[in-house]
Amino acid sequence: MELMQLEMFVAMVEEGSAHRAAERVFRTQPAVSMAVRKLEREIGFPLFDRSNRNAYSLTDTGEALFEYAKRILNLRDEAVITLKQLHNLQSGRIRIGANESTSLYLLPQLILSFREQYPKIKVEVSRQSSAQLPRELRQRNLDFAILSFLPDDTELEATAIMRDELVLIASPQHWLAGRERVHIRELGAESFIAHNVHSPSRDKVIETFRRFQTPLNMTIEITTIETIKRFVAMNLGIGFVPLMCVREEVERSELVMIPVDGFRHERTLWAVRRRTDAHSHAAQAFMTVVSAMADRLLKGHQPPVTESAEKRGAEAVN
């Protein structure tokens, strides 16, 4: 049973004659009649009651097949339209995974740029811990993950989007707020509001204090950076947070940044996806937007960031 046979059959029923059906499907009349008879032989029952040669009355078998044939042809047409829309980026979806800070301070810029160009593509954002995201990519639950580290996985590929750094923040009322700089060794008596999520940034802070043999008093540990900022603004302690997360509060003088001698942790944010040529049209379009934004955000950083360069840097630190 072929789609063209069904199309000829439906045309014959709806047009009421083989001649008009042939014109509709751009075939000859004998070809239409032959296709219908071949369909009848395949099914094993007549589709038309031929007792009246001037009327194309359906048998009960023909009526049943007619309903199914219309549904099959409608599904075919729907599939063709959907595929055209996907190709023309008039439909589709992308699924993006990110942690708290990236969801709040980087993804909105990316999604805004993407939606301005492709408003009909659905965007689904999943907020998860960074450690879980590579697995979600491998299991095809996500199209992209935004990470601050490069996963050691040959199935994944990464594109650098921007660079950010970890900064020390304090309340304007804190005694350190007036200092131009401090050294790690001067912070041994301070109370820290710390992020309790395991990350390369947290590890870097702990390693630096250990290297300078300075106590790190994490008196309060919190799951979200937004809460850390609130607690620091209330002068309950000081903390290390990503620079992109506190620019607005610093500009409004709600928080102050204090340069720290002996500590520097710059990180690169990456758009990570599966290493394959089978990405959807929507995902390919999103990658174009990512690349354009990366060109803007990384401008002025030389040399260009690459996966191999980042890995070499990480190995040098370790």
C-alpha atoms as a PDB file:
ATOM      1  CA  MET A   1       0.000   0.000   0.000  1.00  0.00           C
ATOM      2  CA  GLU A   2       1.669   3.180  -1.200  1.00  0.00           C
ATOM      3  CA  LEU A   3       0.879   6.812  -0.445  1.00  0.00           C
ATOM      4  CA  MET A   4       0.310   7.584  -4.128  1.00  0.00           C
ATOM      5  CA  GLN A   5      -2.215   4.761  -4.376  1.00  0.00           C
ATOM      6  CA  LEU A   6      -4.085   6.149  -1.393  1.00  0.00           C
ATOM      7  CA  GLU A   7      -3.951   9.658  -2.840  1.00  0.00           C
ATOM      8  CA  MET A   8      -5.440   8.442  -6.124  1.00  0.00           C
ATOM      9  CA  PHE A   9      -8.115   6.490  -4.268  1.00  0.00           C
ATOM     10  CA  VAL A  10      -9.117   9.511  -2.126  1.00  0.00           C
ATOM     11  CA  ALA A  11      -9.125  11.737  -5.213  1.00  0.00           C
ATOM     12  CA  MET A  12     -11.423   9.320  -7.065  1.00  0.00           C
ATOM     13  CA  VAL A  13     -13.873   9.236  -4.152  1.00  0.00           C
ATOM     14  CA  GLU A  14     -13.906  12.999  -3.627  1.00  0.00           C
ATOM     15  CA  GLU A  15     -13.968  13.946  -7.307  1.00  0.00           C
ATOM     16  CA  GLY A  16     -16.509  11.299  -8.281  1.00  0.00           C
ATOM     17  CA  SER A  17     -14.727  10.245 -11.487  1.00  0.00           C
ATOM     18  CA  ALA A  18     -11.407   8.788 -12.603  1.00  0.00           C
ATOM     19  CA  HIS A  19     -10.980  11.606 -15.127  1.00  0.00           C
ATOM     20  CA  ARG A  20     -11.226  14.425 -12.577  1.00  0.00           C
ATOM     21  CA  ALA A  21      -9.147  12.415 -10.088  1.00  0.00           C
ATOM     22  CA  ALA A  22      -6.406  12.068 -12.714  1.00  0.00           C
ATOM     23  CA  GLU A  23      -6.354  15.827 -13.260  1.00  0.00           C
ATOM     24  CA  ARG A  24      -6.135  16.442  -9.535  1.00  0.00           C
ATOM     25  CA  VAL A  25      -3.142  14.144  -8.979  1.00  0.00           C
ATOM     26  CA  PHE A  26      -1.490  14.977 -12.308  1.00  0.00           C
ATOM     27  CA  ARG A  27      -1.689  11.436 -13.657  1.00  0.00           C
ATOM     28  CA  THR A  28      -3.456   9.811 -16.589  1.00  0.00           C
ATOM     29  CA  GLN A  29      -6.897   8.289 -16.151  1.00  0.00           C
ATOM     30  CA  PRO A  30      -5.656   4.728 -16.880  1.00  0.00           C
ATOM     31  CA  ALA A  31      -2.911   5.184 -14.269  1.00  0.00           C
ATOM     32  CA  VAL A  32      -5.486   6.163 -11.638  1.00  0.00           C
ATOM     33  CA  SER A  33      -7.790   3.255 -12.477  1.00  0.00           C
ATOM     34  CA  MET A  34      -4.841   0.832 -12.441  1.00  0.00           C
ATOM     35  CA  ALA A  35      -3.639   2.111  -9.046  1.00  0.00           C
ATOM     36  CA  VAL A  36      -7.085   1.624  -7.500  1.00  0.00           C
ATOM     37  CA  ARG A  37      -7.388  -1.917  -8.870  1.00  0.00           C
ATOM     38  CA  LYS A  38      -3.903  -2.756  -7.602  1.00  0.00           C
ATOM     39  CA  LEU A  39      -4.957  -1.486  -4.185  1.00  0.00           C
ATOM     40  CA  GLU A  40      -8.049  -3.704  -4.291  1.00  0.00           C
ATOM     41  CA  ARG A  41      -5.946  -6.761  -5.169  1.00  0.00           C
ATOM     42  CA  GLU A  42      -3.589  -6.023  -2.305  1.00  0.00           C
ATOM     43  CA  ILE A  43      -6.463  -5.658   0.181  1.00  0.00           C
ATOM     44  CA  GLY A  44      -8.392  -8.596  -1.242  1.00  0.00           C
ATOM     45  CA  PHE A  45     -11.761  -6.842  -1.386  1.00  0.00           C
ATOM     46  CA  PRO A  46     -13.425  -4.380  -3.796  1.00  0.00           C
ATOM     47  CA  LEU A  47     -13.423  -0.728  -2.770  1.00  0.00           C
ATOM     48  CA  PHE A  48     -16.182   0.432  -5.108  1.00  0.00           C
ATOM     49  CA  ASP A  49     -19.608  -1.015  -5.920  1.00  0.00           C
ATOM     50  CA  ARG A  50     -19.344  -1.224  -9.717  1.00  0.00           C
ATOM     51  CA  SER A  51     -22.916  -2.339 -10.305  1.00  0.00           C
ATOM     52  CA  ASN A  52     -23.637   1.250 -11.362  1.00  0.00           C
ATOM     53  CA  ARG A  53     -20.896   2.314 -13.769  1.00  0.00           C
ATOM     54  CA  ASN A  54     -21.890   5.982 -13.524  1.00  0.00           C
ATOM     55  CA  ALA A  55     -21.502   6.185  -9.735  1.00  0.00           C
ATOM     56  CA  TYR A  56     -18.472   5.598  -7.553  1.00  0.00           C
ATOM     57  CA  SER A  57     -20.198   4.154  -4.517  1.00  0.00           C
ATOM     58  CA  LEU A  58     -17.940   2.797  -1.813  1.00  0.00           C
ATOM     59  CA  THR A  59     -18.224  -0.651  -0.320  1.00  0.00           C
ATOM     60  CA  ASP A  60     -17.941  -1.017   3.448  1.00  0.00           C
ATOM     61  CA  THR A  61     -14.260  -1.880   2.910  1.00  0.00           C
ATOM     62  CA  GLY A  62     -13.889   1.209   0.754  1.00  0.00           C
ATOM     63  CA  GLU A  63     -15.527   3.442   3.358  1.00  0.00           C
ATOM     64  CA  ALA A  64     -13.207   2.143   6.076  1.00  0.00           C
ATOM     65  CA  LEU A  65     -10.117   2.615   3.920  1.00  0.00           C
ATOM     66  CA  PHE A  66     -11.267   6.084   2.817  1.00  0.00           C
ATOM     67  CA  GLU A  67     -11.296   7.355   6.413  1.00  0.00           C
ATOM     68  CA  TYR A  68      -7.880   5.905   7.169  1.00  0.00           C
ATOM     69  CA  ALA A  69      -6.444   7.106   3.860  1.00  0.00           C
ATOM     70  CA  LYS A  70      -7.500  10.697   4.585  1.00  0.00           C
ATOM     71  CA  ARG A  71      -5.876  10.537   8.008  1.00  0.00           C
ATOM     72  CA  ILE A  72      -2.683   9.084   6.576  1.00  0.00           C
ATOM     73  CA  LEU A  73      -2.473  11.747   3.873  1.00  0.00           C
ATOM     74  CA  ASN A  74      -3.224  14.502   6.384  1.00  0.00           C
ATOM     75  CA  LEU A  75      -0.403  13.212   8.581  1.00  0.00           C
ATOM     76  CA  ARG A  76       1.894  13.214   5.574  1.00  0.00           C
ATOM     77  CA  ASP A  77       0.991  16.828   4.820  1.00  0.00           C
ATOM     78  CA  GLU A  78       1.404  17.784   8.471  1.00  0.00           C
ATOM     79  CA  ALA A  79       4.846  16.157   8.556  1.00  0.00           C
ATOM     80  CA  VAL A  80       5.941  18.040   5.446  1.00  0.00           C
ATOM     81  CA  ILE A  81       4.751  21.369   6.908  1.00  0.00           C
ATOM     82  CA  THR A  82       6.479  20.681  10.236  1.00  0.00           C
ATOM     83  CA  LEU A  83       9.757  19.793   8.554  1.00  0.00           C
ATOM     84  CA  LYS A  84       9.616  22.967   6.470  1.00  0.00           C
ATOM     85  CA  GLN A  85       8.933  25.034   9.594  1.00  0.00           C
ATOM     86  CA  LEU A  86      11.858  23.420  11.386  1.00  0.00           C
ATOM     87  CA  HIS A  87      14.137  24.099   8.454  1.00  0.00           C
ATOM     88  CA  ASN A  88      12.926  27.693   8.204  1.00  0.00           C
ATOM     89  CA  LEU A  89      13.179  28.108  12.017  1.00  0.00           C
ATOM     90  CA  GLN A  90       9.468  28.790  12.351  1.00  0.00           C
ATOM     91  CA  SER A  91       9.109  26.085  15.001  1.00  0.00           C
ATOM     92  CA  GLY A  92      11.203  23.808  17.186  1.00  0.00           C
ATOM     93  CA  ARG A  93      12.775  24.064  20.625  1.00  0.00           C
ATOM     94  CA  ILE A  94      16.088  24.242  22.421  1.00  0.00           C
ATOM     95  CA  ARG A  95      16.778  22.947  25.930  1.00  0.00           C
ATOM     96  CA  ILE A  96      19.453  24.717  27.966  1.00  0.00           C
ATOM     97  CA  GLY A  97      20.858  23.766  31.341  1.00  0.00           C
ATOM     98  CA  ALA A  98      22.665  26.196  33.643  1.00  0.00           C
ATOM     99  CA  ASN A  99      23.463  26.810  37.282  1.00  0.00           C
ATOM    100  CA  GLU A 100      22.055  29.617  39.412  1.00  0.00           C
ATOM    101  CA  SER A 101      24.436  32.454  38.538  1.00  0.00           C
ATOM    102  CA  THR A 102      24.509  31.685  34.817  1.00  0.00           C
ATOM    103  CA  SER A 103      20.715  31.445  34.704  1.00  0.00           C
ATOM    104  CA  LEU A 104      20.421  34.906  36.222  1.00  0.00           C
ATOM    105  CA  TYR A 105      23.294  36.837  34.666  1.00  0.00           C
ATOM    106  CA  LEU A 106      24.290  35.318  31.311  1.00  0.00           C
ATOM    107  CA  LEU A 107      21.402  33.282  29.911  1.00  0.00           C
ATOM    108  CA  PRO A 108      18.939  36.225  29.797  1.00  0.00           C
ATOM    109  CA  GLN A 109      21.265  38.066  27.382  1.00  0.00           C
ATOM    110  CA  LEU A 110      21.646  34.983  25.181  1.00  0.00           C
ATOM    111  CA  ILE A 111      17.949  34.170  25.136  1.00  0.00           C
ATOM    112  CA  LEU A 112      16.963  37.776  24.443  1.00  0.00           C
ATOM    113  CA  SER A 113      19.289  37.898  21.420  1.00  0.00           C
ATOM    114  CA  PHE A 114      17.987  34.526  20.225  1.00  0.00           C
ATOM    115  CA  ARG A 115      14.305  35.385  20.661  1.00  0.00           C
ATOM    116  CA  GLU A 116      14.717  38.654  18.781  1.00  0.00           C
ATOM    117  CA  GLN A 117      15.747  36.630  15.733  1.00  0.00           C
ATOM    118  CA  TYR A 118      13.695  33.450  16.229  1.00  0.00           C
ATOM    119  CA  PRO A 119      10.555  34.321  18.241  1.00  0.00           C
ATOM    120  CA  LYS A 120       8.683  31.124  17.306  1.00  0.00           C
ATOM    121  CA  ILE A 121      11.260  28.702  18.695  1.00  0.00           C
ATOM    122  CA  LYS A 122      10.499  27.475  22.204  1.00  0.00           C
ATOM    123  CA  VAL A 123      13.270  27.844  24.797  1.00  0.00           C
ATOM    124  CA  GLU A 124      13.324  25.562  27.838  1.00  0.00           C
ATOM    125  CA  VAL A 125      15.756  26.402  30.653  1.00  0.00           C
ATOM    126  CA  SER A 126      16.640  23.828  33.293  1.00  0.00           C
ATOM    127  CA  ARG A 127      18.375  25.116  36.415  1.00  0.00           C
ATOM    128  CA  GLN A 128      20.660  22.446  37.855  1.00  0.00           C
ATOM    129  CA  SER A 129      24.029  22.121  39.553  1.00  0.00           C
ATOM    130  CA  SER A 130      26.933  22.323  37.125  1.00  0.00           C
ATOM    131  CA  ALA A 131      28.135  18.832  38.051  1.00  0.00           C
ATOM    132  CA  GLN A 132      24.912  17.269  36.728  1.00  0.00           C
ATOM    133  CA  LEU A 133      24.835  19.067  33.386  1.00  0.00           C
ATOM    134  CA  PRO A 134      27.384  16.990  31.388  1.00  0.00           C
ATOM    135  CA  ARG A 135      25.406  13.840  32.140  1.00  0.00           C
ATOM    136  CA  GLU A 136      22.183  15.535  31.029  1.00  0.00           C
ATOM    137  CA  LEU A 137      23.885  16.429  27.735  1.00  0.00           C
ATOM    138  CA  ARG A 138      25.128  12.889  27.151  1.00  0.00           C
ATOM    139  CA  GLN A 139      21.663  11.517  27.856  1.00  0.00           C
ATOM    140  CA  ARG A 140      20.222  13.978  25.291  1.00  0.00           C
ATOM    141  CA  ASN A 141      18.034  15.676  27.876  1.00  0.00           C
ATOM    142  CA  LEU A 142      19.652  19.012  26.997  1.00  0.00           C
ATOM    143  CA  ASP A 143      20.889  20.659  23.817  1.00  0.00           C
ATOM    144  CA  PHE A 144      23.265  23.043  25.617  1.00  0.00           C
ATOM    145  CA  ALA A 145      24.795  23.518  29.034  1.00  0.00           C
ATOM    146  CA  ILE A 146      26.478  26.696  30.242  1.00  0.00           C
ATOM    147  CA  LEU A 147      29.451  25.733  32.405  1.00  0.00           C
ATOM    148  CA  SER A 148      32.359  27.458  34.130  1.00  0.00           C
ATOM    149  CA  PHE A 149      34.618  24.451  33.544  1.00  0.00           C
ATOM    150  CA  LEU A 150      35.469  22.116  30.694  1.00  0.00           C
ATOM    151  CA  PRO A 151      34.084  18.608  31.228  1.00  0.00           C
ATOM    152  CA  ASP A 152      36.657  15.886  30.613  1.00  0.00           C
ATOM    153  CA  ASP A 153      34.497  14.115  28.066  1.00  0.00           C
ATOM    154  CA  THR A 154      35.293  13.410  24.413  1.00  0.00           C
ATOM    155  CA  GLU A 155      31.565  13.216  23.621  1.00  0.00           C
ATOM    156  CA  LEU A 156      31.168  16.934  24.368  1.00  0.00           C
ATOM    157  CA  GLU A 157      32.492  20.091  22.723  1.00  0.00           C
ATOM    158  CA  ALA A 158      32.691  23.599  24.146  1.00  0.00           C
ATOM    159  CA  THR A 159      32.722  27.185  22.927  1.00  0.00           C
ATOM    160  CA  ALA A 160      33.952  30.011  25.156  1.00  0.00           C
ATOM    161  CA  ILE A 161      31.346  32.736  25.706  1.00  0.00           C
ATOM    162  CA  MET A 162      32.872  35.124  28.241  1.00  0.00           C
ATOM    163  CA  ARG A 163      35.414  35.475  31.008  1.00  0.00           C
ATOM    164  CA  ASP A 164      34.580  36.359  34.577  1.00  0.00           C
ATOM    165  CA  GLU A 165      36.489  36.457  37.851  1.00  0.00           C
ATOM    166  CA  LEU A 166      35.889  35.778  41.497  1.00  0.00           C
ATOM    167  CA  VAL A 167      35.887  38.925  43.638  1.00  0.00           C
ATOM    168  CA  LEU A 168      35.773  39.641  47.356  1.00  0.00           C
ATOM    169  CA  ILE A 169      32.699  41.639  48.416  1.00  0.00           C
ATOM    170  CA  ALA A 170      31.786  43.362  51.647  1.00  0.00           C
ATOM    171  CA  SER A 171      29.140  45.681  53.039  1.00  0.00           C
ATOM    172  CA  PRO A 172      29.948  49.404  52.774  1.00  0.00           C
ATOM    173  CA  GLN A 173      29.751  49.362  56.608  1.00  0.00           C
ATOM    174  CA  HIS A 174      32.424  46.659  56.959  1.00  0.00           C
ATOM    175  CA  TRP A 175      35.772  47.820  58.316  1.00  0.00           C
ATOM    176  CA  LEU A 176      37.535  46.525  55.177  1.00  0.00           C
ATOM    177  CA  ALA A 177      35.334  48.612  52.889  1.00  0.00           C
ATOM    178  CA  GLY A 178      37.713  51.566  53.043  1.00  0.00           C
ATOM    179  CA  ARG A 179      40.802  49.533  52.188  1.00  0.00           C
ATOM    180  CA  GLU A 180      42.306  49.844  48.721  1.00  0.00           C
ATOM    181  CA  ARG A 181      43.690  46.302  48.927  1.00  0.00           C
ATOM    182  CA  VAL A 182      44.043  43.472  51.407  1.00  0.00           C
ATOM    183  CA  HIS A 183      46.180  40.347  51.506  1.00  0.00           C
ATOM    184  CA  ILE A 184      44.871  36.847  52.059  1.00  0.00           C
ATOM    185  CA  ARG A 185      46.843  36.689  55.332  1.00  0.00           C
ATOM    186  CA  GLU A 186      44.786  39.613  56.674  1.00  0.00           C
ATOM    187  CA  LEU A 187      41.526  37.683  56.268  1.00  0.00           C
ATOM    188  CA  GLY A 188      42.155  34.907  58.768  1.00  0.00           C
ATOM    189  CA  ALA A 189      39.961  36.507  61.434  1.00  0.00           C
ATOM    190  CA  GLU A 190      37.079  37.386  59.116  1.00  0.00           C
ATOM    191  CA  SER A 191      33.730  35.609  58.904  1.00  0.00           C
ATOM    192  CA  PHE A 192      32.929  34.355  55.418  1.00  0.00           C
ATOM    193  CA  ILE A 193      29.531  33.793  53.848  1.00  0.00           C
ATOM    194  CA  ALA A 194      30.336  30.853  51.572  1.00  0.00           C
ATOM    195  CA  HIS A 195      28.690  29.031  48.689  1.00  0.00           C
ATOM    196  CA  ASN A 196      28.185  25.435  49.813  1.00  0.00           C
ATOM    197  CA  VAL A 197      27.925  24.059  46.258  1.00  0.00           C
ATOM    198  CA  HIS A 198      31.087  22.240  45.181  1.00  0.00           C
ATOM    199  CA  SER A 199      32.746  24.115  42.305  1.00  0.00           C
ATOM    200  CA  PRO A 200      36.202  24.995  40.938  1.00  0.00           C
ATOM    201  CA  SER A 201      35.751  28.505  42.393  1.00  0.00           C
ATOM    202  CA  ARG A 202      35.125  27.209  45.917  1.00  0.00           C
ATOM    203  CA  ASP A 203      38.111  24.857  45.579  1.00  0.00           C
ATOM    204  CA  LYS A 204      40.324  27.743  44.437  1.00  0.00           C
ATOM    205  CA  VAL A 205      39.437  29.846  47.501  1.00  0.00           C
ATOM    206  CA  ILE A 206      40.078  26.967  49.905  1.00  0.00           C
ATOM    207  CA  GLU A 207      43.382  26.096  48.213  1.00  0.00           C
ATOM    208  CA  THR A 208      44.598  29.721  48.335  1.00  0.00           C
ATOM    209  CA  PHE A 209      43.912  30.097  52.073  1.00  0.00           C
ATOM    210  CA  ARG A 210      45.644  26.762  52.695  1.00  0.00           C
ATOM    211  CA  ARG A 211      48.657  27.851  50.639  1.00  0.00           C
ATOM    212  CA  PHE A 212      49.073  30.988  52.743  1.00  0.00           C
ATOM    213  CA  GLN A 213      48.430  28.992  55.929  1.00  0.00           C
ATOM    214  CA  THR A 214      45.538  31.308  56.784  1.00  0.00           C
ATOM    215  CA  PRO A 215      42.318  30.165  58.508  1.00  0.00           C
ATOM    216  CA  LEU A 216      39.193  30.295  56.335  1.00  0.00           C
ATOM    217  CA  ASN A 217      36.248  30.820  58.673  1.00  0.00           C
ATOM    218  CA  MET A 218      33.153  29.864  56.721  1.00  0.00           C
ATOM    219  CA  THR A 219      30.683  30.767  59.436  1.00  0.00           C
ATOM    220  CA  ILE A 220      27.644  30.641  57.151  1.00  0.00           C
ATOM    221  CA  GLU A 221      27.287  28.381  54.108  1.00  0.00           C
ATOM    222  CA  ILE A 222      24.436  29.009  51.668  1.00  0.00           C
ATOM    223  CA  THR A 223      23.182  27.345  48.497  1.00  0.00           C
ATOM    224  CA  THR A 224      22.537  30.492  46.432  1.00  0.00           C
ATOM    225  CA  ILE A 225      24.741  33.419  45.477  1.00  0.00           C
ATOM    226  CA  GLU A 226      21.776  35.775  45.745  1.00  0.00           C
ATOM    227  CA  THR A 227      21.449  34.946  49.452  1.00  0.00           C
ATOM    228  CA  ILE A 228      25.207  35.351  49.948  1.00  0.00           C
ATOM    229  CA  LYS A 229      24.917  38.891  48.559  1.00  0.00           C
ATOM    230  CA  ARG A 230      22.012  39.666  50.909  1.00  0.00           C
ATOM    231  CA  PHE A 231      23.906  38.419  53.951  1.00  0.00           C
ATOM    232  CA  VAL A 232      27.060  40.312  52.987  1.00  0.00           C
ATOM    233  CA  ALA A 233      25.021  43.500  52.440  1.00  0.00           C
ATOM    234  CA  MET A 234      23.664  43.030  55.978  1.00  0.00           C
ATOM    235  CA  ASN A 235      27.288  42.990  57.201  1.00  0.00           C
ATOM    236  CA  LEU A 236      27.094  39.424  58.494  1.00  0.00           C
ATOM    237  CA  GLY A 237      30.390  38.598  56.826  1.00  0.00           C
ATOM    238  CA  ILE A 238      32.345  38.895  53.576  1.00  0.00           C
ATOM    239  CA  GLY A 239      32.392  36.544  50.608  1.00  0.00           C
ATOM    240  CA  PHE A 240      33.846  35.587  47.246  1.00  0.00           C
ATOM    241  CA  VAL A 241      31.353  35.684  44.353  1.00  0.00           C
ATOM    242  CA  PRO A 242      31.504  35.926  40.543  1.00  0.00           C
ATOM    243  CA  LEU A 243      31.983  39.493  39.349  1.00  0.00           C
ATOM    244  CA  MET A 244      29.075  39.285  36.891  1.00  0.00           C
ATOM    245  CA  CYS A 245      26.726  38.627  39.824  1.00  0.00           C
ATOM    246  CA  VAL A 246      27.514  41.848  41.728  1.00  0.00           C
ATOM    247  CA  ARG A 247      28.109  44.548  39.128  1.00  0.00           C
ATOM    248  CA  GLU A 248      24.714  46.181  39.712  1.00  0.00           C
ATOM    249  CA  GLU A 249      24.975  46.148  43.517  1.00  0.00           C
ATOM    250  CA  VAL A 250      28.473  47.649  43.371  1.00  0.00           C
ATOM    251  CA  GLU A 251      27.278  50.387  41.002  1.00  0.00           C
ATOM    252  CA  ARG A 252      24.453  51.180  43.446  1.00  0.00           C
ATOM    253  CA  SER A 253      26.962  51.192  46.360  1.00  0.00           C
ATOM    254  CA  GLU A 254      25.047  48.396  48.084  1.00  0.00           C
ATOM    255  CA  LEU A 255      28.243  46.307  48.089  1.00  0.00           C
ATOM    256  CA  VAL A 256      31.933  47.078  47.680  1.00  0.00           C
ATOM    257  CA  MET A 257      34.633  45.027  45.961  1.00  0.00           C
ATOM    258  CA  ILE A 258      37.999  44.726  47.671  1.00  0.00           C
ATOM    259  CA  PRO A 259      41.074  43.704  45.614  1.00  0.00           C
ATOM    260  CA  VAL A 260      42.964  40.821  47.248  1.00  0.00           C
ATOM    261  CA  ASP A 261      46.724  40.372  46.965  1.00  0.00           C
ATOM    262  CA  GLY A 262      47.664  36.731  46.646  1.00  0.00           C
ATOM    263  CA  PHE A 263      44.372  35.714  45.071  1.00  0.00           C
ATOM    264  CA  ARG A 264      43.138  35.757  41.497  1.00  0.00           C
ATOM    265  CA  HIS A 265      40.703  33.343  39.946  1.00  0.00           C
ATOM    266  CA  GLU A 266      39.528  34.079  36.432  1.00  0.00           C
ATOM    267  CA  ARG A 267      37.100  31.641  34.901  1.00  0.00           C
ATOM    268  CA  THR A 268      35.727  31.090  31.430  1.00  0.00           C
ATOM    269  CA  LEU A 269      32.050  30.385  30.830  1.00  0.00           C
ATOM    270  CA  TRP A 270      31.468  27.810  28.113  1.00  0.00           C
ATOM    271  CA  ALA A 271      28.534  26.745  25.954  1.00  0.00           C
ATOM    272  CA  VAL A 272      28.803  22.955  25.910  1.00  0.00           C
ATOM    273  CA  ARG A 273      26.953  20.560  23.629  1.00  0.00           C
ATOM    274  CA  ARG A 274      27.254  17.020  22.280  1.00  0.00           C
ATOM    275  CA  ARG A 275      29.938  16.480  19.661  1.00  0.00           C
ATOM    276  CA  THR A 276      27.768  15.550  16.673  1.00  0.00           C
ATOM    277  CA  ASP A 277      26.639  16.793  13.274  1.00  0.00           C
ATOM    278  CA  ALA A 278      23.008  15.950  14.081  1.00  0.00           C
ATOM    279  CA  HIS A 279      22.040  19.096  15.995  1.00  0.00           C
ATOM    280  CA  SER A 280      18.573  20.462  15.268  1.00  0.00           C
ATOM    281  CA  HIS A 281      18.116  23.566  13.127  1.00  0.00           C
ATOM    282  CA  ALA A 282      17.061  25.455  16.256  1.00  0.00           C
ATOM    283  CA  ALA A 283      20.185  24.352  18.147  1.00  0.00           C
ATOM    284  CA  GLN A 284      22.390  25.371  15.234  1.00  0.00           C
ATOM    285  CA  ALA A 285      20.732  28.801  15.197  1.00  0.00           C
ATOM    286  CA  PHE A 286      21.298  29.174  18.938  1.00  0.00           C
ATOM    287  CA  MET A 287      24.968  28.291  18.450  1.00  0.00           C
ATOM    288  CA  THR A 288      25.236  31.125  15.924  1.00  0.00           C
ATOM    289  CA  VAL A 289      23.863  33.549  18.530  1.00  0.00           C
ATOM    290  CA  VAL A 290      26.296  32.183  21.141  1.00  0.00           C
ATOM    291  CA  SER A 291      29.237  32.701  18.794  1.00  0.00           C
ATOM    292  CA  ALA A 292      28.173  36.264  18.006  1.00  0.00           C
ATOM    293  CA  MET A 293      27.874  37.138  21.696  1.00  0.00           C
ATOM    294  CA  ALA A 294      31.201  35.463  22.451  1.00  0.00           C
ATOM    295  CA  ASP A 295      32.874  37.664  19.849  1.00  0.00           C
ATOM    296  CA  ARG A 296      31.595  40.721  21.725  1.00  0.00           C
ATOM    297  CA  LEU A 297      32.242  39.559  25.283  1.00  0.00           C
ATOM    298  CA  LEU A 298      35.680  38.104  24.648  1.00  0.00           C
ATOM    299  CA  LYS A 299      36.871  41.047  22.559  1.00  0.00           C
ATOM    300  CA  GLY A 300      40.097  42.354  23.955  1.00  0.00           C
ATOM    301  CA  HIS A 301      41.060  39.035  25.571  1.00  0.00           C
ATOM    302  CA  GLN A 302      44.144  37.697  23.811  1.00  0.00           C
ATOM    303  CA  PRO A 303      44.947  35.043  22.830  1.00  0.00           C
ATOM    304  CA  PRO A 304      41.551  33.596  21.832  1.00  0.00           C
ATOM    305  CA  VAL A 305      40.224  31.026  24.280  1.00  0.00           C
ATOM    306  CA  THR A 306      40.246  27.434  23.070  1.00  0.00           C
ATOM    307  CA  GLU A 307      39.516  24.138  24.765  1.00  0.00           C
ATOM    308  CA  SER A 308      43.145  23.017  24.635  1.00  0.00           C
ATOM    309  CA  ALA A 309      44.423  26.340  25.985  1.00  0.00           C
ATOM    310  CA  GLU A 310      41.969  26.242  28.885  1.00  0.00           C
ATOM    311  CA  LYS A 311      42.949  22.672  29.729  1.00  0.00           C
ATOM    312  CA  ARG A 312      46.645  23.567  29.663  1.00  0.00           C
ATOM    313  CA  GLY A 313      45.910  26.459  32.035  1.00  0.00           C
ATOM    314  CA  ALA A 314      44.010  24.208  34.405  1.00  0.00           C
ATOM    315  CA  GLU A 315      46.860  21.678  34.371  1.00  0.00           C
ATOM    316  CA  ALA A 316      49.355  24.468  35.153  1.00  0.00           C
ATOM    317  CA  VAL A 317      47.327  25.558  38.197  1.00  0.00           C
ATOM    318  CA  ASN A 318      47.089  21.999  39.460  1.00  0.00           C
END
